[in-house]
Amino acid sequence: MERPAIVIFGAAVMADGRPSPSLRRRIAYGAQAAAAWPDAPVLCSGGVGAAGPSEASIIADGLVSRGIAAERLTLDEESLDTLQSVVATARFVRQRGLDGAVACSDRYHIPRIRLLLAALGVRSQAGPTAGFQGTRPYYVAKMHLREALAIPYDLAIVLVRRGALLALTR
């Protein structure tokens, strides 16, 4: 992809405002993607969850601390779930006339993101990912199960509401 947007999908923020392990991984993936595409704009996506500041602001702080220029960053602090972040990504890509998106998230999450982007007509590719070193197997299994349930649910919403969602992204 010649002119992509780099999109970092949010995850939980700890009660004390620090990024959760998932969010730390995603910030690292986003920093790697930003280095690989030095001219690409970066969308930091994720609203305020149960605690602390927005996921997007924590992502932005983490990227800036890794040397990514703040001018490249756009914060989507409205999206509260994957589907909303995907719609925000489609809007971002279309408004800027970009070729697609490089999705930065955990490996288990990427298939749903890419499927939903494709259903909205946005080309995508997976950003850098790594395994789950140090992560309990229970957590990994739980996330895979969550994705197995969320994929048909979110895809059904996109297919039924595609026209309305696309109208929002033009």
Protein backbone atom coordinates (compact mmCIF):
# COMPACT_ATOMS: atom_id res chain seq x y z
CA MET A 1 0.00 0.00 0.00
CA GLU A 2 1.55 3.25 -1.13
CA ARG A 3 -0.39 5.80 0.96
CA PRO A 4 -1.94 4.11 4.00
CA ALA A 5 -3.18 5.38 7.29
CA ILE A 6 -1.71 3.64 10.31
CA VAL A 7 -4.51 2.86 12.75
CA ILE A 8 -3.90 1.75 16.32
CA PHE A 9 -6.92 0.14 17.92
CA GLY A 10 -7.40 0.86 21.61
CA ALA A 11 -7.53 -1.44 24.60
CA ALA A 12 -8.11 -0.97 28.30
CA VAL A 13 -6.51 1.78 30.36
CA MET A 14 -5.66 0.85 33.96
CA ALA A 15 -7.39 2.64 36.85
CA ASP A 16 -4.22 4.67 37.47
CA GLY A 17 -4.11 5.86 33.82
CA ARG A 18 -1.39 3.50 32.63
CA PRO A 19 -1.91 1.40 29.50
CA SER A 20 -2.91 -2.22 30.02
CA PRO A 21 -0.56 -4.91 28.68
CA SER A 22 -2.74 -5.15 25.54
CA LEU A 23 -2.59 -1.41 24.98
CA ARG A 24 1.20 -1.37 25.53
CA ARG A 25 1.57 -4.07 22.85
CA ARG A 26 -0.61 -2.15 20.43
CA ILE A 27 1.34 1.06 20.99
CA ALA A 28 4.56 -0.84 20.22
CA TYR A 29 3.02 -2.29 17.04
CA GLY A 30 1.89 1.19 16.01
CA ALA A 31 5.35 2.64 16.61
CA GLN A 32 6.86 -0.07 14.40
CA ALA A 33 4.33 0.66 11.66
CA ALA A 34 4.93 4.41 11.94
CA ALA A 35 8.65 3.80 11.47
CA ALA A 36 7.98 1.58 8.43
CA TRP A 37 5.70 4.22 6.83
CA PRO A 38 7.31 7.50 7.94
CA ASP A 39 4.97 9.69 5.89
CA ALA A 40 1.72 7.97 6.88
CA PRO A 41 -0.76 9.71 9.15
CA VAL A 42 -1.56 7.83 12.35
CA LEU A 43 -5.06 7.41 13.78
CA CYS A 44 -5.11 6.61 17.50
CA SER A 45 -8.53 5.12 18.23
CA GLY A 46 -10.29 4.56 21.52
CA GLY A 47 -12.53 6.52 23.83
CA VAL A 48 -12.72 6.75 27.59
CA GLY A 49 -13.43 3.38 29.16
CA ALA A 50 -14.02 2.41 32.77
CA ALA A 51 -11.08 4.44 34.06
CA GLY A 52 -8.72 7.23 33.29
CA PRO A 53 -8.04 9.15 30.11
CA SER A 54 -9.02 8.04 26.63
CA GLU A 55 -7.30 5.08 25.03
CA ALA A 56 -6.44 7.34 22.07
CA SER A 57 -4.62 9.84 24.30
CA ILE A 58 -2.62 7.07 25.98
CA ILE A 59 -1.70 5.71 22.53
CA ALA A 60 -0.62 9.18 21.38
CA ASP A 61 1.50 9.73 24.50
CA GLY A 62 3.16 6.34 23.99
CA LEU A 63 3.93 7.08 20.34
CA VAL A 64 5.35 10.53 21.07
CA SER A 65 7.55 9.04 23.79
CA ARG A 66 8.90 6.67 21.10
CA GLY A 67 9.79 9.56 18.81
CA ILE A 68 6.71 9.69 16.56
CA ALA A 69 5.91 13.31 15.68
CA ALA A 70 2.74 14.57 17.32
CA GLU A 71 1.80 16.29 14.03
CA ARG A 72 1.23 12.88 12.43
CA LEU A 73 -1.33 11.86 15.07
CA THR A 74 -5.09 12.19 14.97
CA LEU A 75 -7.08 11.10 18.01
CA ASP A 76 -10.41 9.32 17.69
CA GLU A 77 -11.66 9.60 21.27
CA GLU A 78 -15.27 8.81 20.40
CA SER A 79 -15.03 5.14 19.44
CA LEU A 80 -15.89 2.77 22.27
CA ASP A 81 -15.58 -0.58 20.47
CA THR A 82 -14.01 -2.23 17.44
CA LEU A 83 -16.91 -1.53 15.10
CA GLN A 84 -16.93 2.18 15.94
CA SER A 85 -13.14 2.30 15.46
CA VAL A 86 -13.47 0.60 12.07
CA VAL A 87 -16.09 3.14 10.96
CA ALA A 88 -13.83 5.96 12.20
CA THR A 89 -10.97 4.40 10.24
CA ALA A 90 -13.05 4.25 7.06
CA ARG A 91 -14.00 7.91 7.55
CA PHE A 92 -10.34 8.87 8.15
CA VAL A 93 -9.09 7.00 5.06
CA ARG A 94 -11.82 8.37 2.77
CA GLN A 95 -11.58 11.97 3.97
CA ARG A 96 -7.84 12.02 3.33
CA GLY A 97 -7.95 10.15 0.03
CA LEU A 98 -5.62 7.42 1.35
CA ASP A 99 -5.11 3.97 -0.17
CA GLY A 100 -6.19 2.03 2.90
CA ALA A 101 -5.19 1.22 6.44
CA VAL A 102 -2.46 -0.62 8.29
CA ALA A 103 -4.30 -2.12 11.27
CA CYS A 104 -2.28 -2.29 14.49
CA SER A 105 -3.77 -4.50 17.16
CA ASP A 106 -3.27 -7.90 18.74
CA ARG A 107 -3.01 -10.84 16.35
CA TYR A 108 -6.36 -12.34 17.44
CA HIS A 109 -8.13 -9.02 16.71
CA ILE A 110 -6.76 -8.34 13.21
CA PRO A 111 -9.06 -10.70 11.24
CA ARG A 112 -12.21 -8.97 12.52
CA ILE A 113 -10.79 -5.52 11.87
CA ARG A 114 -9.77 -6.40 8.31
CA LEU A 115 -13.07 -8.15 7.54
CA LEU A 116 -15.09 -5.14 8.68
CA LEU A 117 -12.86 -2.70 6.79
CA ALA A 118 -13.26 -4.80 3.65
CA ALA A 119 -17.05 -4.82 4.10
CA LEU A 120 -16.87 -1.01 4.17
CA GLY A 121 -14.71 -0.94 1.03
CA VAL A 122 -11.40 -0.07 2.69
CA ARG A 123 -8.26 -1.98 1.76
CA SER A 124 -6.15 -3.01 4.73
CA GLN A 125 -3.19 -4.98 5.84
CA ALA A 126 -2.07 -6.20 9.23
CA GLY A 127 0.52 -4.12 11.01
CA PRO A 128 3.35 -5.63 13.02
CA THR A 129 2.29 -8.18 15.63
CA ALA A 130 3.99 -10.55 18.03
CA GLY A 131 2.98 -13.49 20.16
CA PHE A 132 1.70 -13.47 23.70
CA GLN A 133 4.92 -14.05 25.61
CA GLY A 134 4.16 -13.85 29.31
CA THR A 135 0.39 -13.88 28.79
CA ARG A 136 -1.71 -16.48 30.56
CA PRO A 137 -3.19 -19.09 28.20
CA TYR A 138 -6.64 -18.45 29.75
CA TYR A 139 -6.53 -14.82 28.55
CA VAL A 140 -5.51 -15.80 25.02
CA ALA A 141 -8.31 -18.41 24.84
CA LYS A 142 -10.83 -15.88 26.17
CA MET A 143 -9.84 -13.32 23.51
CA HIS A 144 -10.13 -15.88 20.71
CA LEU A 145 -13.59 -16.88 21.95
CA ARG A 146 -14.65 -13.23 22.15
CA GLU A 147 -13.54 -12.71 18.54
CA ALA A 148 -15.36 -15.85 17.37
CA LEU A 149 -18.58 -14.39 18.77
CA ALA A 150 -17.95 -10.79 17.73
CA ILE A 151 -17.09 -11.44 14.08
CA PRO A 152 -20.57 -12.59 12.95
CA TYR A 153 -22.28 -10.01 15.17
CA ASP A 154 -20.28 -7.03 13.86
CA LEU A 155 -20.34 -8.29 10.27
CA ALA A 156 -24.13 -8.59 10.40
CA ILE A 157 -24.38 -4.98 11.59
CA VAL A 158 -22.10 -3.80 8.79
CA LEU A 159 -23.97 -5.76 6.14
CA VAL A 160 -27.40 -4.57 7.32
CA ARG A 161 -26.34 -0.96 7.91
CA ARG A 162 -23.63 -0.69 5.24
CA GLY A 163 -25.37 2.12 3.39
CA ALA A 164 -25.81 4.21 6.54
CA LEU A 165 -22.27 3.50 7.71
CA LEU A 166 -20.83 4.37 4.31
CA ALA A 167 -22.88 7.58 4.27
CA LEU A 168 -21.09 8.48 7.49
CA THR A 169 -17.71 7.85 5.90
CA ARG A 170 -18.02 9.97 2.77
